[in-house]
Amino acid sequence: MQVSMVDARSPSRRAVPMRGVFAMAAALLLEACASQAPRHPAEVVAAPIVRPVAPERDLMLKLLTAQFALQGNDLAGAARGFADASVLSSDPVLAEEATRLALSQKDWPLATRALSRWQQLAPNDPGILQARAWIALGEKRLDDAKAVLAQIASRGDDQAWRLIAQLLLNADDKVAAARLLAGLIEPEPRMASESNRVALSQLAFKLGDKALARSIADATVAHFHAADAYMWSARLALDRGDKAAARAMYVEAIARDPANPRLRSGYATLLGDAEINALRKSVREAREKRAAENAAKPNG
C-alpha cells in the first residue's frame, strides 16, 4: 500500500532544468534569428546591423553552456550556468530551475544567489519559502528552518504540506528533520487531508521516528475512519510485531466499509487460510454491533 504526497526524488533526480530549458533556448534562438517583415511588400529594408554581445551578457550562450554541462552530467557546472543565465532572464521559471539544481548539489551560497533572483521575479511563489527552509536546514540553521516551515504550514492547505514533506524527506540530517516535523504537527497537522496525514505518518516512519508515525496514524484513524488510514496503521502494527492490532484495524475498517476491495485484499494477505472463517465471523459481529449501536441512538 502506498499513499503519499511526497515526491521522494531529490531535485537532481527530478531533472528540473530539463523541464523548460530546451523550449526556452529554442524560443530565444527563434526570436534572435527572426526578421521583421517589411511594412510594404515593395519596400527595400536595409540589412540590420548586428552588434556583438559580450559573453557575460549573452543569455543564449549561458543557457547552451549550462545545458551541455547538464547533458555531460556536470551538475555543479550546470547549476552555476543556470544561475548565471537567470540573472539575464526575466523568466521566473529559469530562476526556479537554477535554485533547485543548486539545492540538489547542496551548493548553499549558489542556491541563495539563485533564490534571490527567483524572489525578485516571482515573490509570491510558495516554492520560495521551501527553498529558504531547505537552505537553512542545509546550513544547520535549524531555528531559521523551523520558522520558515511554520510559515509554510500556516497556509493550512495540501500544497503546503507537500512542500514541507518533500523538503524533510530529502534532508541529510534525518533526526533534525524528524524533530522539525514533530514541532510542525503538534497538536495536529493544520487542515491536512486524510491522505496527506497518512503521508506525513509515512514521512515520520522514513525519517526513523516510529513513535511519531504511530501517533499521527492513530489520530488520523480516529479523525477520518478512512481506508488508507486503517491500512497504514495496520502496517505500522505489523512493523512493531503486533499482528493482533493489525487484524483489529482491518476488522474495524471492513465493518465500516465492507465493499472496499483494497481492505479485503489487504486483510486476506495478512491472514492465513485457517483464519479466513474467523475473519468472516469477526466482521459479521462487528457489523451487527455497529447496527445495534446505530439503532439505539435517538432519532434526530
Protein backbone atom coordinates (compact mmCIF):
# COMPACT_ATOMS: atom_id res chain seq x y z
CA MET A 1 0.00 0.00 0.00
CA GLN A 2 1.39 3.32 -0.97
CA VAL A 3 -0.28 6.59 -0.15
CA SER A 4 1.99 9.54 -0.43
CA MET A 5 2.00 13.22 -1.20
CA VAL A 6 5.79 13.15 -1.01
CA ASP A 7 7.85 13.32 -4.14
CA ALA A 8 10.72 11.23 -2.81
CA ARG A 9 13.06 12.24 -5.61
CA SER A 10 15.71 14.82 -4.97
CA PRO A 11 15.81 17.91 -7.21
CA SER A 12 18.70 16.48 -9.20
CA ARG A 13 16.73 13.34 -9.98
CA ARG A 14 13.71 15.43 -10.87
CA ALA A 15 15.90 16.91 -13.62
CA VAL A 16 14.15 20.21 -13.07
CA PRO A 17 16.26 22.24 -15.52
CA MET A 18 15.40 19.80 -18.31
CA ARG A 19 11.76 20.78 -17.97
CA GLY A 20 11.84 24.05 -19.84
CA VAL A 21 15.36 24.87 -20.94
CA PHE A 22 15.16 23.34 -24.41
CA ALA A 23 11.92 25.20 -25.10
CA MET A 24 13.33 28.39 -23.64
CA ALA A 25 16.52 28.15 -25.67
CA ALA A 26 14.59 27.41 -28.85
CA ALA A 27 12.30 30.38 -28.25
CA LEU A 28 15.23 32.69 -27.66
CA LEU A 29 17.00 31.39 -30.74
CA LEU A 30 13.93 31.90 -32.91
CA GLU A 31 13.49 35.38 -31.51
CA ALA A 32 17.10 36.24 -32.22
CA CYS A 33 17.01 34.86 -35.75
CA ALA A 34 13.58 36.06 -36.85
CA SER A 35 13.49 39.01 -39.17
CA GLN A 36 10.73 41.58 -39.08
CA ALA A 37 8.51 41.61 -42.19
CA PRO A 38 8.55 44.93 -44.11
CA ARG A 39 5.52 47.14 -43.82
CA HIS A 40 5.16 47.31 -47.62
CA PRO A 41 5.99 44.39 -49.91
CA ALA A 42 7.99 46.55 -52.27
CA GLU A 43 9.86 48.43 -49.57
CA VAL A 44 13.57 47.83 -49.50
CA VAL A 45 14.80 47.28 -45.98
CA ALA A 46 18.39 47.89 -45.07
CA ALA A 47 20.22 44.97 -43.58
CA PRO A 48 20.20 45.17 -39.79
CA ILE A 49 23.41 45.98 -38.04
CA VAL A 50 24.50 43.01 -35.96
CA ARG A 51 26.12 44.08 -32.74
CA PRO A 52 28.17 41.51 -30.89
CA VAL A 53 27.08 40.58 -27.40
CA ALA A 54 29.64 40.35 -24.66
CA PRO A 55 29.89 36.77 -23.35
CA GLU A 56 28.88 37.82 -19.85
CA ARG A 57 25.66 39.31 -21.28
CA ASP A 58 24.84 36.53 -23.75
CA LEU A 59 21.82 34.68 -22.35
CA MET A 60 21.73 32.14 -25.17
CA LEU A 61 25.38 31.28 -24.68
CA LYS A 62 24.90 30.79 -20.95
CA LEU A 63 21.81 28.61 -21.46
CA LEU A 64 23.52 26.39 -24.01
CA THR A 65 26.68 26.11 -21.90
CA ALA A 66 24.62 25.10 -18.88
CA GLN A 67 22.61 22.62 -20.95
CA PHE A 68 25.73 20.97 -22.32
CA ALA A 69 27.08 20.69 -18.78
CA LEU A 70 23.85 19.05 -17.68
CA GLN A 71 23.95 16.60 -20.57
CA GLY A 72 27.54 15.80 -19.64
CA ASN A 73 26.43 15.05 -16.06
CA ASP A 74 28.39 18.06 -14.78
CA LEU A 75 25.62 19.05 -12.38
CA ALA A 76 27.72 21.54 -10.46
CA GLY A 77 28.70 23.33 -13.67
CA ALA A 78 25.10 23.23 -14.88
CA ALA A 79 23.91 24.75 -11.63
CA ARG A 80 26.35 27.63 -11.97
CA GLY A 81 25.41 28.12 -15.61
CA PHE A 82 21.68 28.25 -14.99
CA ALA A 83 22.17 30.60 -12.06
CA ASP A 84 24.21 32.94 -14.27
CA ALA A 85 21.59 32.73 -17.02
CA SER A 86 18.77 33.52 -14.61
CA VAL A 87 20.37 36.91 -13.89
CA LEU A 88 19.93 37.86 -17.55
CA SER A 89 16.43 36.44 -17.94
CA SER A 90 13.11 37.83 -16.75
CA ASP A 91 11.54 34.36 -16.68
CA PRO A 92 10.98 33.18 -13.08
CA VAL A 93 10.89 29.56 -14.27
CA LEU A 94 14.58 29.70 -15.13
CA ALA A 95 15.41 31.23 -11.75
CA GLU A 96 13.42 28.48 -10.04
CA GLU A 97 15.21 25.79 -12.03
CA ALA A 98 18.55 27.32 -11.19
CA THR A 99 17.66 27.37 -7.50
CA ARG A 100 16.51 23.77 -7.41
CA LEU A 101 19.53 22.46 -9.27
CA ALA A 102 21.80 24.33 -6.84
CA LEU A 103 19.84 22.80 -3.96
CA SER A 104 20.35 19.34 -5.42
CA GLN A 105 24.10 19.98 -5.39
CA LYS A 106 23.95 21.31 -1.82
CA ASP A 107 25.68 24.46 -3.02
CA TRP A 108 24.02 26.73 -0.46
CA PRO A 109 25.71 30.03 -1.50
CA LEU A 110 24.77 29.42 -5.14
CA ALA A 111 21.24 28.39 -4.16
CA THR A 112 20.92 31.58 -2.12
CA ARG A 113 22.00 33.68 -5.10
CA ALA A 114 19.59 31.94 -7.48
CA LEU A 115 16.81 32.15 -4.91
CA SER A 116 17.31 35.90 -4.62
CA ARG A 117 16.68 36.25 -8.36
CA TRP A 118 13.67 33.92 -8.21
CA GLN A 119 12.18 36.00 -5.40
CA GLN A 120 12.69 39.18 -7.42
CA LEU A 121 10.74 37.74 -10.34
CA ALA A 122 8.03 35.77 -8.51
CA PRO A 123 7.85 36.95 -4.88
CA ASN A 124 4.59 35.10 -4.14
CA ASP A 125 5.65 31.66 -5.38
CA PRO A 126 5.18 29.20 -2.47
CA GLY A 127 8.28 27.30 -3.55
CA ILE A 128 10.42 30.24 -2.45
CA LEU A 129 9.68 29.55 1.20
CA GLN A 130 10.50 25.89 0.69
CA ALA A 131 13.86 26.81 -0.83
CA ARG A 132 14.61 29.20 2.04
CA ALA A 133 13.90 26.46 4.57
CA TRP A 134 15.94 23.97 2.51
CA ILE A 135 18.97 26.25 2.57
CA ALA A 136 18.59 26.95 6.30
CA LEU A 137 18.40 23.23 7.06
CA GLY A 138 21.40 22.53 4.85
CA GLU A 139 23.39 25.20 6.65
CA LYS A 140 22.34 23.78 10.05
CA ARG A 141 20.32 26.87 10.94
CA LEU A 142 17.54 24.82 12.47
CA ASP A 143 15.74 27.68 14.19
CA ASP A 144 15.52 29.54 10.88
CA ALA A 145 14.34 26.40 9.11
CA LYS A 146 11.68 25.86 11.76
CA ALA A 147 10.41 29.43 11.43
CA VAL A 148 10.11 29.21 7.64
CA LEU A 149 8.46 25.78 7.77
CA ALA A 150 5.95 27.12 10.28
CA GLN A 151 5.21 29.93 7.84
CA ILE A 152 4.51 27.36 5.11
CA ALA A 153 2.35 25.24 7.43
CA SER A 154 0.29 28.26 8.43
CA ARG A 155 -1.22 28.25 4.95
CA GLY A 156 -3.04 25.10 6.00
CA ASP A 157 -3.55 23.62 2.53
CA ASP A 158 -2.39 20.38 0.95
CA GLN A 159 0.26 22.06 -1.17
CA ALA A 160 1.88 23.45 1.97
CA TRP A 161 2.23 20.00 3.49
CA ARG A 162 3.57 18.59 0.22
CA LEU A 163 6.28 21.26 0.15
CA ILE A 164 7.20 20.51 3.76
CA ALA A 165 7.25 16.76 3.24
CA GLN A 166 9.37 16.97 0.09
CA LEU A 167 11.92 19.12 1.87
CA LEU A 168 12.18 16.99 5.02
CA LEU A 169 12.35 13.73 3.09
CA ASN A 170 15.40 14.97 1.18
CA ALA A 171 17.17 16.32 4.27
CA ASP A 172 20.56 14.80 5.06
CA ASP A 173 20.01 15.07 8.81
CA LYS A 174 17.04 12.75 9.34
CA VAL A 175 17.00 13.24 13.10
CA ALA A 176 16.77 17.01 12.77
CA ALA A 177 14.12 16.61 10.05
CA ALA A 178 12.03 14.40 12.33
CA ARG A 179 12.27 16.97 15.13
CA LEU A 180 11.13 19.72 12.78
CA LEU A 181 8.21 17.58 11.62
CA ALA A 182 7.15 16.83 15.18
CA GLY A 183 7.16 20.52 16.01
CA LEU A 184 5.01 21.34 12.99
CA ILE A 185 2.22 18.81 13.54
CA GLU A 186 1.51 19.42 17.22
CA PRO A 187 -1.24 19.19 18.23
CA GLU A 188 -2.20 18.08 14.69
CA PRO A 189 -1.40 18.96 11.08
CA ARG A 190 -3.41 22.08 10.37
CA MET A 191 -6.20 21.40 7.86
CA ALA A 192 -4.31 18.49 6.28
CA SER A 193 -6.43 15.98 4.39
CA GLU A 194 -6.63 12.31 5.33
CA SER A 195 -4.27 11.26 2.53
CA ASN A 196 -1.74 13.92 3.49
CA ARG A 197 -1.85 12.95 7.16
CA VAL A 198 -1.17 9.36 6.18
CA ALA A 199 1.72 10.61 4.06
CA LEU A 200 3.07 12.64 7.00
CA SER A 201 2.98 9.50 9.12
CA GLN A 202 4.85 7.66 6.37
CA LEU A 203 7.36 10.50 6.28
CA ALA A 204 7.95 10.23 10.04
CA PHE A 205 8.46 6.48 9.59
CA LYS A 206 11.03 7.06 6.81
CA LEU A 207 12.80 9.61 8.99
CA GLY A 208 13.15 6.95 11.68
CA ASP A 209 10.65 8.31 14.23
CA LYS A 210 8.27 5.37 14.54
CA ALA A 211 6.59 6.74 17.65
CA LEU A 212 5.68 9.92 15.79
CA ALA A 213 4.49 7.88 12.81
CA ARG A 214 2.17 5.88 15.06
CA SER A 215 0.87 8.98 16.81
CA ILE A 216 -0.06 10.62 13.51
CA ALA A 217 -1.61 7.42 12.18
CA ASP A 218 -3.72 6.83 15.30
CA ALA A 219 -5.01 10.40 15.21
CA THR A 220 -5.81 10.08 11.51
CA VAL A 221 -7.81 6.89 12.04
CA ALA A 222 -9.74 8.50 14.89
CA HIS A 223 -10.47 11.63 12.85
CA PHE A 224 -11.31 10.19 9.42
CA HIS A 225 -12.05 6.44 9.81
CA ALA A 226 -10.86 6.05 6.20
CA ALA A 227 -9.42 3.01 4.44
CA ASP A 228 -5.92 4.39 3.79
CA ALA A 229 -5.51 5.39 7.42
CA TYR A 230 -6.60 1.95 8.64
CA MET A 231 -4.31 0.14 6.22
CA TRP A 232 -1.29 2.25 7.14
CA SER A 233 -1.99 1.83 10.86
CA ALA A 234 -2.18 -1.93 10.34
CA ARG A 235 1.15 -1.86 8.59
CA LEU A 236 2.71 0.04 11.49
CA ALA A 237 1.28 -2.53 13.89
CA LEU A 238 2.89 -5.32 11.88
CA ASP A 239 6.19 -3.44 11.90
CA ARG A 240 6.20 -3.46 15.69
CA GLY A 241 5.19 -7.14 15.74
CA ASP A 242 1.60 -6.64 16.90
CA LYS A 243 -0.37 -8.79 14.47
CA ALA A 244 -3.44 -8.74 16.69
CA ALA A 245 -3.61 -4.95 16.48
CA ALA A 246 -3.23 -5.13 12.70
CA ARG A 247 -6.11 -7.60 12.50
CA ALA A 248 -8.25 -5.39 14.71
CA MET A 249 -7.60 -2.44 12.40
CA TYR A 250 -8.76 -4.39 9.38
CA VAL A 251 -11.82 -5.78 11.16
CA GLU A 252 -12.95 -2.28 12.14
CA ALA A 253 -12.18 -0.89 8.68
CA ILE A 254 -14.09 -3.63 6.85
CA ALA A 255 -17.03 -3.26 9.20
CA ARG A 256 -17.23 0.39 8.20
CA ASP A 257 -16.60 -0.22 4.51
CA PRO A 258 -17.41 -3.87 3.72
CA ALA A 259 -17.39 -3.40 -0.06
CA ASN A 260 -13.87 -1.94 -0.22
CA PRO A 261 -11.77 -4.42 -2.24
CA ARG A 262 -8.45 -2.99 -1.05
CA LEU A 263 -9.36 -3.59 2.57
CA ARG A 264 -10.43 -7.16 1.85
CA SER A 265 -7.36 -7.86 -0.23
CA GLY A 266 -5.04 -6.35 2.37
CA TYR A 267 -6.60 -8.34 5.15
CA ALA A 268 -6.55 -11.56 3.12
CA THR A 269 -2.79 -11.25 2.71
CA LEU A 270 -2.46 -10.71 6.43
CA LEU A 271 -4.43 -13.79 7.35
CA GLY A 272 -3.60 -17.44 6.85
CA ASP A 273 -6.15 -19.83 5.36
CA ALA A 274 -7.14 -21.06 8.81
CA GLU A 275 -8.14 -17.54 9.81
CA ILE A 276 -10.50 -16.78 6.91
CA ASN A 277 -13.55 -18.12 8.74
CA ALA A 278 -12.60 -16.16 11.84
CA LEU A 279 -12.36 -13.06 9.69
CA ARG A 280 -15.89 -13.51 8.38
CA LYS A 281 -17.22 -14.09 11.89
CA SER A 282 -15.43 -11.05 13.33
CA VAL A 283 -16.62 -8.81 10.56
CA ARG A 284 -20.18 -10.03 10.90
CA GLU A 285 -20.14 -9.46 14.65
CA ALA A 286 -18.64 -6.00 14.24
CA ARG A 287 -21.29 -5.04 11.70
CA GLU A 288 -24.08 -6.35 13.91
CA LYS A 289 -22.71 -4.44 16.88
CA ARG A 290 -22.45 -1.26 14.84
CA ALA A 291 -26.01 -1.69 13.56
CA ALA A 292 -27.27 -2.20 17.10
CA GLU A 293 -25.48 0.92 18.31
CA ASN A 294 -26.96 2.95 15.48
CA ALA A 295 -30.44 1.59 16.19
CA ALA A 296 -30.11 2.54 19.86
CA LYS A 297 -29.33 6.16 19.04
CA PRO A 298 -32.30 8.55 19.35
CA ASN A 299 -33.67 9.76 16.03
CA GLY A 300 -32.96 13.36 15.08
